[in-house]
Protein backbone atom coordinates (compact mmCIF):
# COMPACT_ATOMS: atom_id res chain seq x y z
CA MET A 1 60.45 16.28 -67.71
CA GLU A 2 58.04 18.75 -69.32
CA THR A 3 56.81 21.68 -67.24
CA VAL A 4 53.04 21.79 -67.76
CA LEU A 5 52.50 24.89 -65.60
CA SER A 6 54.88 27.70 -64.76
CA VAL A 7 53.76 30.58 -62.52
CA ARG A 8 55.97 33.60 -61.93
CA ASN A 9 55.44 36.48 -59.50
CA LEU A 10 51.63 36.22 -59.51
CA LYS A 11 49.94 39.08 -57.66
CA LYS A 12 46.27 39.72 -57.01
CA SER A 13 44.46 42.21 -54.77
CA TYR A 14 40.82 42.99 -54.00
CA LYS A 15 39.07 45.93 -52.43
CA LYS A 16 36.90 45.50 -49.36
CA GLY A 17 33.88 47.66 -49.99
CA TRP A 18 33.64 50.47 -52.54
CA ALA A 19 36.20 52.67 -50.75
CA GLY A 20 38.11 50.12 -48.72
CA LYS A 21 41.81 49.43 -48.71
CA PRO A 22 43.03 46.73 -51.09
CA VAL A 23 43.50 43.25 -49.69
CA HIS A 24 46.56 41.54 -51.17
CA ALA A 25 45.43 37.96 -51.81
CA LEU A 26 48.58 36.92 -53.70
CA LYS A 27 51.94 38.58 -53.09
CA GLY A 28 54.25 37.41 -55.84
CA VAL A 29 53.67 33.65 -55.99
CA SER A 30 55.93 31.49 -58.21
CA PHE A 31 55.91 27.71 -58.72
CA ASP A 32 56.04 24.95 -61.34
CA VAL A 33 54.12 21.73 -61.99
CA GLN A 34 55.82 18.89 -63.86
CA ALA A 35 54.25 16.39 -66.24
CA GLY A 36 53.07 13.10 -64.75
CA THR A 37 53.33 14.23 -61.12
CA ILE A 38 50.79 14.65 -58.33
CA THR A 39 51.28 18.09 -56.78
CA GLY A 40 49.40 19.13 -53.66
CA PHE A 41 48.41 22.77 -53.31
CA LEU A 42 48.07 23.49 -49.59
CA GLY A 43 47.26 26.41 -47.36
CA ALA A 44 44.92 27.47 -44.57
CA ASN A 45 41.63 29.23 -45.28
CA GLY A 46 42.37 32.56 -46.92
CA ALA A 47 45.88 31.57 -47.98
CA GLY A 48 45.11 32.29 -51.64
CA LYS A 49 44.62 28.83 -53.14
CA THR A 50 41.28 29.38 -54.88
CA THR A 51 42.34 32.87 -55.98
CA THR A 52 45.44 31.32 -57.58
CA ILE A 53 43.41 28.70 -59.43
CA LYS A 54 40.98 31.36 -60.70
CA CYS A 55 43.91 33.43 -61.98
CA LEU A 56 45.48 30.40 -63.67
CA LEU A 57 42.30 29.69 -65.62
CA GLU A 58 41.49 33.36 -66.33
CA LEU A 59 38.34 33.21 -64.22
CA SER A 60 39.88 36.18 -62.43
CA LEU A 61 42.53 38.51 -63.82
CA PRO A 62 45.75 38.93 -61.78
CA ASP A 63 47.25 42.35 -61.12
CA SER A 64 50.56 41.15 -62.53
CA GLY A 65 52.67 38.07 -63.09
CA GLU A 66 53.08 35.40 -65.73
CA VAL A 67 51.29 32.06 -66.18
CA ARG A 68 52.49 29.58 -68.79
CA PHE A 69 50.73 26.35 -69.70
CA PHE A 70 52.88 23.94 -71.73
CA GLY A 71 55.33 26.77 -72.41
CA SER A 72 52.75 29.14 -73.90
CA PRO A 73 52.46 32.63 -72.34
CA GLU A 74 48.72 32.67 -73.10
CA LEU A 75 45.87 30.33 -72.23
CA THR A 76 45.27 29.38 -75.84
CA ALA A 77 42.46 27.21 -77.21
CA ASP A 78 44.99 24.40 -77.67
CA SER A 79 46.12 24.70 -74.03
CA LYS A 80 42.51 24.62 -72.83
CA ARG A 81 41.96 21.36 -74.69
CA ARG A 82 44.84 19.86 -72.69
CA ILE A 83 43.50 20.95 -69.28
CA GLY A 84 40.77 19.41 -67.11
CA PHE A 85 39.19 21.27 -64.18
CA LEU A 86 36.89 20.48 -61.25
CA PRO A 87 36.03 23.58 -59.19
CA GLU A 88 35.49 23.51 -55.44
CA ARG A 89 31.74 24.09 -55.80
CA PRO A 90 30.77 22.64 -59.18
CA TYR A 91 27.26 23.07 -60.57
CA PHE A 92 25.59 19.90 -61.77
CA TYR A 93 22.59 19.76 -64.09
CA GLU A 94 20.60 17.54 -61.77
CA TYR A 95 17.99 16.53 -64.33
CA LEU A 96 20.68 14.90 -66.52
CA THR A 97 21.84 11.35 -65.99
CA GLY A 98 25.51 10.70 -65.36
CA ARG A 99 25.88 9.45 -68.92
CA GLU A 100 24.11 12.50 -70.38
CA PHE A 101 26.20 14.82 -68.23
CA LEU A 102 29.44 13.34 -69.55
CA ARG A 103 28.14 13.35 -73.12
CA PHE A 104 27.36 17.07 -72.82
CA TYR A 105 30.88 17.91 -71.63
CA GLY A 106 32.47 15.56 -74.12
CA GLN A 107 30.70 17.31 -76.98
CA LEU A 108 31.48 20.72 -75.46
CA SER A 109 35.20 19.95 -75.39
CA GLY A 110 35.28 19.42 -79.14
CA SER A 111 38.18 17.01 -78.66
CA ILE A 112 36.45 13.65 -79.06
CA ALA A 113 34.96 12.22 -82.22
CA SER A 114 31.28 11.34 -81.83
CA LYS A 115 31.99 7.69 -82.66
CA ASP A 116 34.49 7.47 -79.79
CA LEU A 117 32.53 9.42 -77.17
CA LYS A 118 30.18 6.59 -76.17
CA ASP A 119 33.07 4.23 -75.42
CA ARG A 120 34.93 6.99 -73.55
CA ILE A 121 31.90 7.65 -71.33
CA THR A 122 31.45 3.96 -70.57
CA SER A 123 35.14 3.63 -69.73
CA LEU A 124 35.12 6.65 -67.41
CA LEU A 125 31.95 5.60 -65.59
CA LYS A 126 33.60 2.26 -64.87
CA ARG A 127 36.83 3.94 -63.82
CA VAL A 128 35.13 6.19 -61.24
CA GLY A 129 32.88 3.38 -59.97
CA LEU A 130 29.62 4.72 -61.40
CA GLU A 131 28.93 2.19 -64.11
CA HIS A 132 25.82 1.07 -62.20
CA ALA A 133 24.51 4.65 -61.89
CA GLY A 134 25.20 6.02 -65.36
CA ASP A 135 21.52 6.15 -66.31
CA ARG A 136 20.30 7.64 -63.04
CA PRO A 137 19.65 11.41 -62.76
CA LEU A 138 22.32 13.37 -60.93
CA ARG A 139 19.75 14.53 -58.37
CA SER A 140 19.85 11.00 -56.98
CA TYR A 141 23.65 10.97 -56.57
CA SER A 142 25.33 11.23 -53.17
CA LYS A 143 28.06 13.82 -52.48
CA GLY A 144 30.76 11.24 -53.18
CA MET A 145 29.11 10.14 -56.43
CA LEU A 146 28.87 13.76 -57.60
CA GLN A 147 32.56 14.29 -56.87
CA ARG A 148 33.46 11.20 -58.86
CA VAL A 149 31.30 12.12 -61.86
CA GLY A 150 32.81 15.63 -61.63
CA ILE A 151 36.30 14.14 -61.91
CA ALA A 152 35.09 12.03 -64.85
CA GLN A 153 33.91 15.28 -66.47
CA ALA A 154 37.37 16.79 -65.98
CA LEU A 155 38.93 13.72 -67.63
CA ILE A 156 36.46 13.24 -70.47
CA HIS A 157 38.72 14.83 -73.13
CA LYS A 158 41.90 12.99 -71.99
CA PRO A 159 43.75 16.06 -70.67
CA ASP A 160 47.49 16.22 -70.04
CA PHE A 161 46.91 18.31 -66.91
CA ILE A 162 44.03 18.28 -64.43
CA ILE A 163 43.29 20.87 -61.72
CA LEU A 164 41.09 19.79 -58.80
CA ASP A 165 39.98 22.36 -56.23
CA GLU A 166 39.23 20.61 -52.91
CA PRO A 167 38.11 17.32 -54.54
CA MET A 168 37.70 15.46 -51.22
CA THR A 169 35.91 18.05 -49.11
CA GLY A 170 32.78 16.67 -47.47
CA LEU A 171 33.46 13.06 -48.40
CA ASP A 172 33.30 10.17 -45.97
CA PRO A 173 36.37 7.90 -45.58
CA ASP A 174 35.15 5.54 -48.32
CA GLY A 175 34.60 8.44 -50.72
CA ARG A 176 38.02 9.90 -49.99
CA PHE A 177 39.63 6.51 -50.59
CA GLU A 178 37.87 6.19 -53.95
CA VAL A 179 38.89 9.69 -55.07
CA ARG A 180 42.50 9.07 -54.01
CA GLU A 181 42.58 5.92 -56.13
CA ILE A 182 41.19 7.82 -59.14
CA ILE A 183 43.90 10.48 -58.71
CA ARG A 184 46.63 7.82 -58.49
CA GLU A 185 45.38 6.05 -61.61
CA THR A 186 45.16 9.35 -63.49
CA ALA A 187 48.79 10.15 -62.66
CA ARG A 188 49.94 6.64 -63.61
CA GLU A 189 48.54 7.27 -67.08
CA GLY A 190 50.82 10.30 -67.42
CA THR A 191 48.42 13.12 -66.57
CA ALA A 192 49.78 15.79 -64.23
CA VAL A 193 47.47 16.33 -61.24
CA PHE A 194 47.37 19.60 -59.28
CA PHE A 195 44.91 19.57 -56.41
CA SER A 196 44.18 21.84 -53.49
CA SER A 197 43.15 20.35 -50.17
CA HIS A 198 42.69 21.00 -46.47
CA LEU A 199 42.94 17.26 -45.81
CA LEU A 200 46.63 16.82 -45.05
CA PRO A 201 46.59 13.02 -44.54
CA ASP A 202 45.24 12.62 -48.08
CA ALA A 203 47.89 14.94 -49.48
CA GLU A 204 50.60 13.07 -47.57
CA GLN A 205 49.50 9.77 -49.08
CA LEU A 206 49.20 11.07 -52.64
CA CYS A 207 51.69 13.80 -53.38
CA GLU A 208 55.18 13.72 -54.80
CA ARG A 209 55.49 17.50 -54.74
CA LEU A 210 53.91 20.29 -52.71
CA VAL A 211 53.15 23.97 -53.19
CA ILE A 212 52.23 25.67 -49.90
CA LEU A 213 50.85 29.18 -49.42
CA ALA A 214 50.47 31.24 -46.26
CA HIS A 215 48.72 34.64 -46.28
CA GLY A 216 49.27 35.04 -50.03
CA ASN A 217 52.96 34.12 -49.91
CA LEU A 218 54.69 31.00 -51.17
CA VAL A 219 56.36 29.29 -48.20
CA PHE A 220 57.35 26.00 -49.83
CA GLN A 221 57.57 24.33 -53.21
CA GLY A 222 59.38 21.13 -53.99
CA PRO A 223 59.40 17.39 -53.31
CA MET A 224 57.48 16.40 -50.19
CA ARG A 225 60.49 14.41 -48.97
CA ASP A 226 62.44 17.68 -48.69
CA LEU A 227 59.81 19.06 -46.34
CA LEU A 228 59.44 15.90 -44.28
CA ASN A 229 63.11 15.00 -43.98
CA HIS A 230 63.92 13.07 -40.83
CA SER A 231 64.05 15.08 -37.64
CA GLY A 232 66.03 12.67 -35.46
CA TYR A 233 66.18 9.06 -34.32
CA GLU A 234 64.44 6.63 -32.05
CA LEU A 235 66.78 4.24 -30.24
CA ILE A 236 65.18 1.15 -28.73
CA SER A 237 67.27 -0.64 -26.12
CA ALA A 238 66.72 -3.45 -23.62
CA ARG A 239 68.11 -4.21 -20.18
CA ASP A 240 67.01 -6.82 -17.66
CA GLY A 241 64.08 -7.79 -19.85
CA LYS A 242 62.72 -4.23 -20.13
CA THR A 243 62.73 -2.17 -23.31
CA GLU A 244 63.24 1.57 -23.46
CA THR A 245 62.77 4.06 -26.32
CA THR A 246 65.00 7.12 -26.42
CA VAL A 247 64.34 10.05 -28.78
CA ILE A 248 67.55 11.59 -30.14
CA LYS A 249 68.02 14.66 -32.35
CA GLY A 250 71.42 14.32 -34.00
CA VAL A 251 74.06 11.80 -35.11
CA GLU A 252 76.61 12.86 -32.49
CA GLU A 253 74.05 12.50 -29.70
CA LEU A 254 73.05 9.13 -31.15
CA GLN A 255 76.62 7.81 -30.96
CA GLN A 256 77.05 9.04 -27.41
CA THR A 257 73.74 7.45 -26.35
CA ILE A 258 74.70 4.11 -27.91
CA ASP A 259 78.03 4.12 -26.03
CA THR A 260 76.30 5.04 -22.76
CA LYS A 261 73.63 2.36 -23.16
CA ARG A 262 76.15 -0.36 -23.98
CA SER A 263 78.51 0.57 -21.17
CA GLY A 264 75.54 0.40 -18.82
CA GLY A 265 74.70 -3.13 -19.87
CA SER A 266 71.86 -2.39 -22.32
CA SER A 267 71.45 -4.07 -25.68
CA ILE A 268 70.60 -1.97 -28.75
CA LEU A 269 67.53 -3.49 -30.42
CA GLU A 270 66.70 -0.94 -33.10
CA ILE A 271 67.63 2.49 -34.41
CA LYS A 272 65.18 4.17 -36.75
CA PRO A 273 65.05 7.68 -38.20
CA THR A 274 62.02 9.77 -37.37
CA ARG A 275 60.43 12.39 -39.56
CA LEU A 276 57.79 15.07 -39.34
CA SER A 277 54.27 14.31 -40.46
CA LEU A 278 52.87 16.63 -43.12
CA GLU A 279 50.55 18.10 -40.51
CA GLU A 280 53.50 18.92 -38.20
CA ALA A 281 55.51 20.45 -41.05
CA PHE A 282 52.50 22.40 -42.31
CA VAL A 283 51.82 23.92 -38.89
CA LYS A 284 55.48 24.98 -38.59
CA ILE A 285 55.70 26.81 -41.91
CA ALA A 286 52.14 27.78 -42.88
CA MET A 287 50.28 28.55 -39.65
CA LYS A 288 52.38 31.43 -38.37
CA PRO A 289 50.61 34.68 -37.38
CA ARG A 290 50.34 37.31 -40.09
CA ASN A 291 52.79 39.61 -38.32
CA VAL A 292 55.53 36.97 -38.38
CA LYS A 293 57.48 36.81 -41.60
CA SER A 294 57.30 33.30 -43.03
CA GLU A 295 60.64 31.73 -43.83
CA GLU A 296 61.00 31.23 -47.56
CA ALA A 297 61.52 27.53 -48.17
CA SER A 298 60.89 27.42 -51.88
CA ARG A 299 63.39 25.73 -54.18
């Protein structure tokens, strides 16, 4: 599987005030993003997510480190044509209609022939559920509609890799559902999706892989299943018409509990493995105080 993004030992610091001490926003972050995958980029406020994205796209220059898109050590014009981006706080030309907005960015990309652009815009408006609003000015769009037309903008040139910075912030449940479906469809078509989010339930539903930062450090990268591996078992038993659920941590304890239950006249109805939720795992590895060294869980 092709690696569309490779980040190695990325460091970035800022100064607070004209004579202040430097604040280390990124402290040697390394991770990869594979083609055709949905990768969640998680971290609490101030963890370094937006700083990382700015450094990736050369909107801010890192102190040191290496960023490779599609194997190239530089963000070349060809690489840019293969990347789509929706920032956390995008600016929309509110006097343009949705259709005009997409036409502007399609022409700006230089990747789509004029004869194909009209059909591409129509297709994208339908895909993001805005076919009915394509000729309305953006000033009349709701927050959710603006997010969806922003994603359409990021997809207008058929990128191989799309970066979304907090694409579901401020959306109601319906809007979040619609954006999740757009992300899933985008990945099914082979585009790698890398998105940052504070909304852990959305990330848990969508992501195959995770990259998690805490205080500028990488604390996890890898498949989500490796982070949420099962943490024990629930044993459901019955005796005298009453059911009982017993939470058990390990296999040896499970076997002993089964023997004890059976010898006491209970029937075993069900044994099921339990696992951490993403929220529980995130709190354990990414919400530690700054003076506690985070355990490195990257792979």
